[in-house]
Amino acid sequence: MIYKIAVIGLGYVGLPLAHAFSEKYKVVGFDIDQGRINELNSGIDCTLELSEPQVKEALENGIKFTVNLNEISECNVYIITVPSPIDSSNRPNLTPLIKSSESVGKVLKEGDIVIYESTVYPGVTEDVCVPVLEDLSGLKFNEDFYAGYSPERINPGDKEHTVTKILKVTAGSTPEIAKKVDDLYKSIITAGTHSAPSIKVAEASKVIENTQRDVNIALINELALIFDAMGIDTTEVIDAAATKWNFIKLSPGLVGGHCIGVDPYYLTHKAQELGYKPNLILGARQINNGMSKYIAERTIKVMIAHDKKIKNSNILVMGLTFKENCPDIRNSKVFDIIDELKDYGCNVDAYDSWVDVKDVDQKNFAFITDPFKTDKKYDAIIVAVGHKTFQVLSRSEYESISTIEPVFIDIKGIIENPTWKL
């Protein structure tokens, strides 16, 4: 079988995957955002997952970026890489998956394979997405068309663990299709593949990856709160404990983004639907979601201890992205810190050279170009993200934009002798 692959969704996951497949197969990249398609066709990726030479390489390989559904109609493998977010009540929002399944269903043909990469709870592929495909195509599942699942493992901003260098879990709706899906990914994934026995097992394996990490970070965050109350340096405690070979060394901090802070809710939703209350996972989510409020409150208390006036004080927040060295601000918990500070009557400026001003809603704060090129002085500076550009700044540089007796709140362990650190 000669594969012609359509990748549906060209974000942080879909674009690198499309690029990798384009080196061996004919690939069409489909996205509903015309602006995104125009950008890629001009050789630019604003997510910075691919460099300009890599985007141009994909175009030279013959990849086609399009919003036209008809241009994917000749493909025989459809890989869906759309987001799987949650709503305001922390319930799974399957709309992107359903909409993309509807689109593929309109062009689905006999013998085609539809592979999902989005993180979901076990059962979504076969119980939610496949019926949509059947309904729109008029075809019969596992007779006329087939399904696969291979959960994405992209780490935004990571230039070492790129898509082909991360071992890939694969699964298919029949044993024969499972082998085809595994062989397809194996042809581009140099790190190898793991063929799961079923789609549900593969779905579950992905959702627990981030759930486990969320719970582990929640433990460290809770320990940080305890040690802060005791007046003990959490970093020193962790360094001491990490001398034992089987201690998992993690650091306290904010847990945002579109994976770790979201995926556990998919599992807890399904568990509760089945009558089981996952107290540990939900408790971890509560701890991690509460860190922004805690950091804001500690900032205010430290400022008061240093005789700083709170109302109309000027605070600079360094970093807006959900993690270091990437432009992704989705579900970043830094914005929650800003909201809390605004509730205290503070004036907040934010600085992040990774972020484009057009992507930022400045209702609650001012997004500034470079605080080191102005005369403004700040009553407190919060280092919220560990960008490399922040790590090379000296304490004296931070002092140069501070008022008398500076207050430095360091969430990432960057500033020498901060006033308070997590």
Protein backbone atom coordinates (compact mmCIF):
# COMPACT_ATOMS: atom_id res chain seq x y z
CA MET A 1 0.00 0.00 0.00
CA ILE A 2 1.38 3.40 -0.99
CA TYR A 3 0.49 5.85 1.73
CA LYS A 4 -0.62 9.41 1.12
CA ILE A 5 -0.99 11.07 4.50
CA ALA A 6 -3.20 13.94 5.63
CA VAL A 7 -2.31 15.57 8.94
CA ILE A 8 -5.32 17.36 10.41
CA GLY A 9 -4.30 20.23 12.68
CA LEU A 10 -0.96 21.99 12.18
CA GLY A 11 -0.06 23.18 15.67
CA TYR A 12 2.73 22.10 18.02
CA VAL A 13 1.95 18.42 17.36
CA GLY A 14 0.75 18.25 13.77
CA LEU A 15 3.37 20.37 12.05
CA PRO A 16 6.49 18.50 13.28
CA LEU A 17 4.74 15.22 12.50
CA ALA A 18 3.83 16.35 8.99
CA HIS A 19 7.42 17.46 8.44
CA ALA A 20 8.76 14.07 9.56
CA PHE A 21 6.36 12.12 7.34
CA SER A 22 7.09 14.41 4.36
CA GLU A 23 10.61 13.01 4.17
CA LYS A 24 9.21 9.62 3.10
CA TYR A 25 5.61 10.08 1.99
CA LYS A 26 3.30 12.42 0.15
CA VAL A 27 1.75 14.64 2.82
CA VAL A 28 -1.05 17.18 2.93
CA GLY A 29 -1.28 19.38 6.01
CA PHE A 30 -4.82 20.58 6.73
CA ASP A 31 -5.88 23.33 9.14
CA ILE A 32 -9.01 25.48 9.41
CA ASP A 33 -6.92 28.61 10.13
CA GLN A 34 -6.17 30.36 6.83
CA GLY A 35 -3.65 32.61 8.57
CA ARG A 36 -1.73 29.59 9.78
CA ILE A 37 -1.71 28.10 6.27
CA ASN A 38 -0.48 31.37 4.75
CA GLU A 39 2.29 31.56 7.34
CA LEU A 40 3.48 28.01 6.66
CA ASN A 41 3.34 28.45 2.88
CA SER A 42 5.62 31.47 3.33
CA GLY A 43 8.10 29.25 5.20
CA ILE A 44 7.43 30.47 8.76
CA ASP A 45 6.27 28.63 11.88
CA CYS A 46 5.21 31.00 14.69
CA THR A 47 5.20 28.14 17.23
CA LEU A 48 8.96 27.80 16.61
CA GLU A 49 8.68 24.01 16.67
CA LEU A 50 10.20 24.01 13.19
CA SER A 51 12.92 26.35 12.02
CA GLU A 52 12.50 28.31 8.80
CA PRO A 53 14.82 25.88 6.94
CA GLN A 54 12.74 22.93 8.17
CA VAL A 55 9.47 24.47 6.96
CA LYS A 56 11.07 25.18 3.59
CA GLU A 57 12.44 21.64 3.52
CA ALA A 58 8.92 20.27 4.01
CA LEU A 59 7.67 22.45 1.16
CA GLU A 60 10.52 21.24 -1.04
CA ASN A 61 9.57 17.66 -0.14
CA GLY A 62 6.21 18.37 -1.73
CA ILE A 63 4.08 18.90 1.37
CA LYS A 64 0.92 20.89 0.72
CA PHE A 65 -0.61 23.14 3.38
CA THR A 66 -4.29 23.83 2.82
CA VAL A 67 -7.69 24.77 4.27
CA ASN A 68 -9.44 23.09 1.35
CA LEU A 69 -11.02 19.78 2.37
CA ASN A 70 -11.08 18.57 -1.23
CA GLU A 71 -7.27 18.57 -1.25
CA ILE A 72 -7.12 15.78 1.33
CA SER A 73 -9.73 13.62 -0.42
CA GLU A 74 -7.10 11.52 -2.21
CA CYS A 75 -5.28 10.61 1.00
CA ASN A 76 -5.64 7.14 2.52
CA VAL A 77 -4.25 7.83 6.00
CA TYR A 78 -5.70 10.65 8.09
CA ILE A 79 -3.84 11.63 11.27
CA ILE A 80 -5.85 13.90 13.58
CA THR A 81 -3.72 16.07 15.88
CA VAL A 82 -6.19 18.68 17.13
CA PRO A 83 -6.29 20.00 20.73
CA SER A 84 -8.31 18.23 23.43
CA PRO A 85 -9.07 21.06 25.89
CA ILE A 86 -11.34 21.33 28.91
CA ASP A 87 -14.21 23.75 29.52
CA SER A 88 -14.64 26.25 32.35
CA SER A 89 -15.92 23.45 34.60
CA ASN A 90 -12.86 21.26 33.89
CA ARG A 91 -14.87 18.86 31.75
CA PRO A 92 -13.45 17.43 28.51
CA ASN A 93 -14.28 19.52 25.48
CA LEU A 94 -14.37 17.08 22.57
CA THR A 95 -15.59 19.65 20.04
CA PRO A 96 -12.26 19.91 18.12
CA LEU A 97 -12.10 16.11 17.84
CA ILE A 98 -15.71 15.82 16.74
CA LYS A 99 -15.40 18.64 14.19
CA SER A 100 -12.21 17.21 12.71
CA SER A 101 -13.83 13.75 12.56
CA GLU A 102 -16.74 15.30 10.67
CA SER A 103 -14.32 16.83 8.18
CA VAL A 104 -12.49 13.55 7.61
CA GLY A 105 -15.80 11.67 7.44
CA LYS A 106 -16.80 13.78 4.44
CA VAL A 107 -13.84 12.51 2.39
CA LEU A 108 -13.38 9.02 3.89
CA LYS A 109 -13.15 6.12 1.44
CA GLU A 110 -13.03 2.35 1.62
CA GLY A 111 -9.72 1.07 2.97
CA ASP A 112 -8.74 4.36 4.63
CA ILE A 113 -7.20 4.52 8.11
CA VAL A 114 -7.93 7.35 10.57
CA ILE A 115 -5.35 7.73 13.34
CA TYR A 116 -5.90 9.95 16.39
CA GLU A 117 -3.05 11.53 18.36
CA SER A 118 -5.01 13.82 20.70
CA THR A 119 -4.96 13.03 24.42
CA VAL A 120 -8.31 11.58 25.54
CA TYR A 121 -9.83 9.26 28.12
CA PRO A 122 -10.05 5.57 27.16
CA GLY A 123 -12.90 4.98 24.72
CA VAL A 124 -13.08 8.35 22.95
CA THR A 125 -11.61 7.11 19.66
CA GLU A 126 -13.97 4.16 19.22
CA ASP A 127 -17.03 5.37 21.16
CA VAL A 128 -17.11 9.06 20.17
CA CYS A 129 -15.02 9.67 17.05
CA VAL A 130 -15.68 6.50 15.04
CA PRO A 131 -19.50 6.91 15.06
CA VAL A 132 -19.00 10.41 13.63
CA LEU A 133 -16.83 8.98 10.86
CA GLU A 134 -19.44 6.30 10.12
CA ASP A 135 -22.29 8.79 10.09
CA LEU A 136 -20.61 11.27 7.72
CA SER A 137 -19.07 8.70 5.37
CA GLY A 138 -21.79 6.07 5.31
CA LEU A 139 -19.04 3.47 5.71
CA LYS A 140 -18.81 0.62 8.23
CA PHE A 141 -16.07 0.61 10.87
CA ASN A 142 -13.58 -2.26 10.63
CA GLU A 143 -15.16 -3.37 7.35
CA ASP A 144 -14.84 -0.36 5.08
CA PHE A 145 -12.44 1.83 7.07
CA TYR A 146 -10.23 1.46 10.14
CA ALA A 147 -8.91 3.45 13.09
CA GLY A 148 -5.65 3.80 14.95
CA TYR A 149 -4.32 5.69 17.93
CA SER A 150 -0.80 6.94 18.58
CA PRO A 151 -0.65 9.50 21.40
CA GLU A 152 1.48 12.58 20.82
CA ARG A 153 4.52 13.06 23.02
CA ILE A 154 5.70 16.43 21.77
CA ASN A 155 7.46 18.58 24.37
CA PRO A 156 7.04 22.22 23.22
CA GLY A 157 10.30 24.13 23.02
CA ASP A 158 12.43 21.00 23.40
CA LYS A 159 14.94 20.84 20.54
CA GLU A 160 16.55 17.64 21.83
CA HIS A 161 13.51 15.37 22.26
CA THR A 162 11.91 16.01 18.88
CA VAL A 163 9.13 13.92 17.37
CA THR A 164 11.32 11.28 15.71
CA LYS A 165 13.48 10.90 18.83
CA ILE A 166 10.63 10.04 21.20
CA LEU A 167 9.44 6.43 21.36
CA LYS A 168 5.90 6.20 20.01
CA VAL A 169 3.01 4.12 21.35
CA THR A 170 0.77 2.80 18.57
CA ALA A 171 -2.48 0.86 18.31
CA GLY A 172 -5.02 -0.18 15.70
CA SER A 173 -8.66 -1.27 15.55
CA THR A 174 -7.75 -4.77 14.28
CA PRO A 175 -4.52 -6.79 14.60
CA GLU A 176 -3.75 -6.20 10.92
CA ILE A 177 -4.33 -2.45 11.18
CA ALA A 178 -2.33 -2.31 14.41
CA LYS A 179 0.66 -3.67 12.50
CA LYS A 180 0.15 -1.22 9.63
CA VAL A 181 -0.07 1.72 12.02
CA ASP A 182 3.01 0.55 13.91
CA ASP A 183 5.00 0.01 10.71
CA LEU A 184 3.98 3.45 9.44
CA TYR A 185 5.28 5.23 12.54
CA LYS A 186 8.28 2.94 12.79
CA SER A 187 9.35 4.16 9.34
CA ILE A 188 9.99 7.69 10.70
CA ILE A 189 10.44 7.30 14.47
CA THR A 190 14.13 6.55 15.03
CA ALA A 191 13.52 6.00 18.75
CA GLY A 192 11.24 3.05 17.95
CA THR A 193 7.64 2.16 18.72
CA HIS A 194 5.59 0.21 21.22
CA SER A 195 2.53 -1.56 19.85
CA ALA A 196 -0.23 -1.52 22.47
CA PRO A 197 -2.77 -4.39 22.49
CA SER A 198 -5.75 -2.08 21.96
CA ILE A 199 -6.70 1.50 21.25
CA LYS A 200 -8.12 1.89 24.77
CA VAL A 201 -4.82 0.77 26.32
CA ALA A 202 -2.94 3.29 24.18
CA GLU A 203 -5.39 6.05 25.15
CA ALA A 204 -5.01 5.18 28.83
CA SER A 205 -1.21 5.05 28.62
CA LYS A 206 -1.09 8.62 27.37
CA VAL A 207 -3.51 10.13 29.84
CA ILE A 208 -1.65 8.63 32.82
CA GLU A 209 1.73 9.96 31.64
CA ASN A 210 0.75 13.52 32.46
CA THR A 211 -1.46 12.53 35.40
CA GLN A 212 1.51 10.87 37.08
CA ARG A 213 3.66 13.94 36.55
CA ASP A 214 0.88 16.21 37.82
CA VAL A 215 0.55 14.21 41.03
CA ASN A 216 4.31 14.12 41.59
CA ILE A 217 4.63 17.90 41.12
CA ALA A 218 1.67 18.43 43.45
CA LEU A 219 3.54 16.54 46.18
CA ILE A 220 6.60 18.75 45.73
CA ASN A 221 4.41 21.86 45.70
CA GLU A 222 2.71 20.80 48.94
CA LEU A 223 6.10 20.12 50.51
CA ALA A 224 7.23 23.58 49.40
CA LEU A 225 4.23 25.14 51.17
CA ILE A 226 5.01 23.18 54.34
CA PHE A 227 8.72 24.03 54.30
CA ASP A 228 7.97 27.69 53.54
CA ALA A 229 5.84 27.79 56.70
CA MET A 230 8.76 26.22 58.59
CA GLY A 231 11.29 28.67 57.19
CA ILE A 232 13.22 25.89 55.44
CA ASP A 233 14.68 26.20 51.93
CA THR A 234 12.81 23.66 49.78
CA THR A 235 15.60 23.46 47.19
CA GLU A 236 18.11 22.52 49.88
CA VAL A 237 15.75 19.83 51.17
CA ILE A 238 15.25 18.38 47.69
CA ASP A 239 19.00 18.42 46.98
CA ALA A 240 19.63 16.50 50.19
CA ALA A 241 16.86 13.96 49.56
CA ALA A 242 18.00 13.47 45.95
CA THR A 243 21.25 11.92 47.17
CA LYS A 244 19.25 8.68 47.50
CA TRP A 245 19.25 6.79 44.18
CA ASN A 246 15.48 6.24 43.94
CA PHE A 247 14.29 9.71 44.94
CA ILE A 248 12.42 11.45 42.09
CA LYS A 249 13.91 14.93 41.90
CA LEU A 250 11.36 17.56 40.90
CA SER A 251 11.05 21.26 41.63
CA PRO A 252 7.99 23.17 42.90
CA GLY A 253 6.29 25.58 40.54
CA LEU A 254 3.36 26.45 38.32
CA VAL A 255 1.63 23.69 36.38
CA GLY A 256 0.00 25.08 33.27
CA GLY A 257 0.01 24.42 29.56
CA HIS A 258 -2.23 22.24 27.47
CA CYS A 259 -1.05 18.84 28.80
CA ILE A 260 -0.19 18.34 32.48
CA GLY A 261 -2.74 20.86 33.72
CA VAL A 262 -5.50 19.52 31.45
CA ASP A 263 -5.10 15.79 30.78
CA PRO A 264 -5.84 14.55 34.34
CA TYR A 265 -9.36 15.98 34.02
CA TYR A 266 -10.03 13.62 31.11
CA LEU A 267 -9.25 10.63 33.33
CA THR A 268 -11.13 11.97 36.37
CA HIS A 269 -14.16 12.75 34.19
CA LYS A 270 -14.38 9.17 32.98
CA ALA A 271 -13.69 7.76 36.45
CA GLN A 272 -16.51 9.80 37.99
CA GLU A 273 -18.81 8.86 35.15
CA LEU A 274 -18.20 5.25 36.18
CA GLY A 275 -18.93 6.02 39.83
CA TYR A 276 -15.39 6.28 41.16
CA LYS A 277 -14.09 9.49 42.74
CA PRO A 278 -10.34 9.85 42.08
CA ASN A 279 -9.48 11.80 45.23
CA LEU A 280 -5.69 11.71 44.82
CA ILE A 281 -5.72 13.04 41.25
CA LEU A 282 -8.32 15.72 42.01
CA GLY A 283 -6.43 16.69 45.16
CA ALA A 284 -3.24 17.10 43.14
CA ARG A 285 -5.07 19.31 40.67
CA GLN A 286 -6.38 21.46 43.52
CA ILE A 287 -2.88 21.93 44.95
CA ASN A 288 -1.31 22.81 41.61
CA ASN A 289 -4.13 25.15 40.63
CA GLY A 290 -3.72 26.96 43.95
CA MET A 291 -0.04 27.82 43.51
CA SER A 292 -0.66 31.05 41.62
CA LYS A 293 -2.81 32.44 44.44
CA TYR A 294 -0.23 31.36 47.02
CA ILE A 295 2.63 33.06 45.13
CA ALA A 296 0.64 36.29 44.75
CA GLU A 297 -0.25 36.30 48.45
CA ARG A 298 3.35 35.67 49.48
CA THR A 299 4.44 38.52 47.20
CA ILE A 300 2.06 40.90 48.96
CA LYS A 301 3.17 39.74 52.42
CA VAL A 302 6.85 40.14 51.52
CA MET A 303 6.19 43.62 50.15
CA ILE A 304 4.38 44.61 53.35
CA ALA A 305 7.30 43.26 55.40
CA HIS A 306 9.57 45.58 53.38
CA ASP A 307 7.31 48.60 54.00
CA LYS A 308 6.07 48.67 50.42
CA LYS A 309 2.75 50.33 49.75
CA ILE A 310 0.49 47.79 48.04
CA LYS A 311 -2.21 49.87 46.37
CA ASN A 312 -0.90 51.30 43.09
CA SER A 313 2.48 49.64 43.61
CA ASN A 314 4.37 48.73 40.44
CA ILE A 315 5.14 45.03 39.95
CA LEU A 316 7.02 43.48 37.04
CA VAL A 317 6.28 39.88 36.07
CA MET A 318 9.10 38.26 34.10
CA GLY A 319 7.69 35.61 31.76
CA LEU A 320 4.18 34.77 30.56
CA THR A 321 4.55 31.40 28.84
CA PHE A 322 3.55 28.15 30.54
CA LYS A 323 7.15 26.89 30.37
CA GLU A 324 10.60 28.18 29.55
CA ASN A 325 12.01 28.86 26.09
CA CYS A 326 8.82 28.54 24.07
CA PRO A 327 6.14 31.04 22.95
CA ASP A 328 3.14 29.03 24.19
CA ILE A 329 0.93 30.95 26.63
CA ARG A 330 -2.02 28.52 26.57
CA ASN A 331 -3.30 27.84 30.09
CA SER A 332 -0.31 29.61 31.59
CA LYS A 333 -0.78 30.05 35.33
CA VAL A 334 1.27 33.25 35.30
CA PHE A 335 -1.89 35.08 34.23
CA ASP A 336 -3.57 33.87 37.43
CA ILE A 337 -0.78 35.48 39.47
CA ILE A 338 -1.40 38.74 37.64
CA ASP A 339 -5.16 38.54 38.29
CA GLU A 340 -4.53 38.04 42.01
CA LEU A 341 -2.13 40.99 42.17
CA LYS A 342 -4.64 43.19 40.39
CA ASP A 343 -7.21 42.29 43.04
CA TYR A 344 -4.84 43.84 45.59
CA GLY A 345 -4.76 47.06 43.58
CA CYS A 346 -1.27 46.60 42.13
CA ASN A 347 -0.17 47.94 38.74
CA VAL A 348 1.34 45.03 36.81
CA ASP A 349 3.70 45.07 33.85
CA ALA A 350 4.76 41.87 32.11
CA TYR A 351 7.80 41.14 29.98
CA ASP A 352 8.46 38.09 27.79
CA SER A 353 10.61 38.25 24.66
CA TRP A 354 9.20 34.89 23.50
CA VAL A 355 5.66 36.24 23.27
CA ASP A 356 4.14 38.28 20.44
CA VAL A 357 2.13 41.27 21.67
CA LYS A 358 -0.76 40.38 19.35
CA ASP A 359 -1.28 37.13 21.29
CA VAL A 360 -1.69 38.87 24.65
CA ASP A 361 -4.90 40.30 26.12
CA GLN A 362 -3.74 43.30 28.14
CA LYS A 363 -6.92 43.96 30.13
CA ASN A 364 -5.23 43.45 33.49
CA PHE A 365 -1.64 44.45 32.78
CA ALA A 366 0.72 46.21 30.40
CA PHE A 367 2.87 44.08 28.13
CA ILE A 368 6.18 45.90 27.75
CA THR A 369 8.96 45.49 25.21
CA ASP A 370 12.02 45.68 27.46
CA PRO A 371 12.01 46.90 31.08
CA PHE A 372 15.78 47.39 30.99
CA LYS A 373 15.46 50.11 28.36
CA THR A 374 13.10 52.36 30.35
CA ASP A 375 13.43 54.55 33.42
CA LYS A 376 10.56 52.87 35.27
CA LYS A 377 11.31 51.36 38.69
CA TYR A 378 9.44 48.47 40.25
CA ASP A 379 8.46 47.81 43.87
CA ALA A 380 8.65 44.06 43.25
CA ILE A 381 9.85 41.77 40.47
CA ILE A 382 8.48 38.26 40.05
CA VAL A 383 10.53 35.83 37.95
CA ALA A 384 7.77 33.46 36.85
CA VAL A 385 9.37 31.61 33.91
CA GLY A 386 12.89 30.26 33.60
CA HIS A 387 13.78 31.55 30.13
CA LYS A 388 17.48 31.35 29.30
CA THR A 389 17.47 35.09 28.68
CA PHE A 390 16.39 35.64 32.29
CA GLN A 391 18.96 33.24 33.70
CA VAL A 392 21.90 35.25 32.35
CA LEU A 393 20.74 38.48 34.01
CA SER A 394 22.72 39.47 37.09
CA ARG A 395 21.22 40.56 40.39
CA SER A 396 22.55 44.07 39.76
CA GLU A 397 20.58 44.21 36.50
CA TYR A 398 17.39 43.34 38.37
CA GLU A 399 18.30 45.96 40.99
CA SER A 400 18.72 48.58 38.26
CA ILE A 401 14.98 48.52 37.53
CA SER A 402 13.91 48.31 41.18
CA THR A 403 12.98 50.90 43.77
CA ILE A 404 14.95 51.31 46.98
CA GLU A 405 15.19 48.02 48.90
CA PRO A 406 14.12 45.77 46.02
CA VAL A 407 11.79 42.80 46.44
CA PHE A 408 12.61 39.81 44.26
CA ILE A 409 10.16 36.89 44.13
CA ASP A 410 11.87 33.97 42.44
CA ILE A 411 9.70 31.03 41.34
CA LYS A 412 12.39 29.43 39.17
CA GLY A 413 15.57 29.69 41.25
CA ILE A 414 17.25 32.22 38.94
CA ILE A 415 18.06 35.31 41.01
CA GLU A 416 20.98 35.33 43.42
CA ASN A 417 19.73 35.79 47.00
CA PRO A 418 16.07 36.56 46.20
CA THR A 419 13.82 38.13 48.81
CA TRP A 420 11.58 35.04 48.63
CA LYS A 421 11.68 31.94 46.51
CA LEU A 422 9.32 29.02 46.08
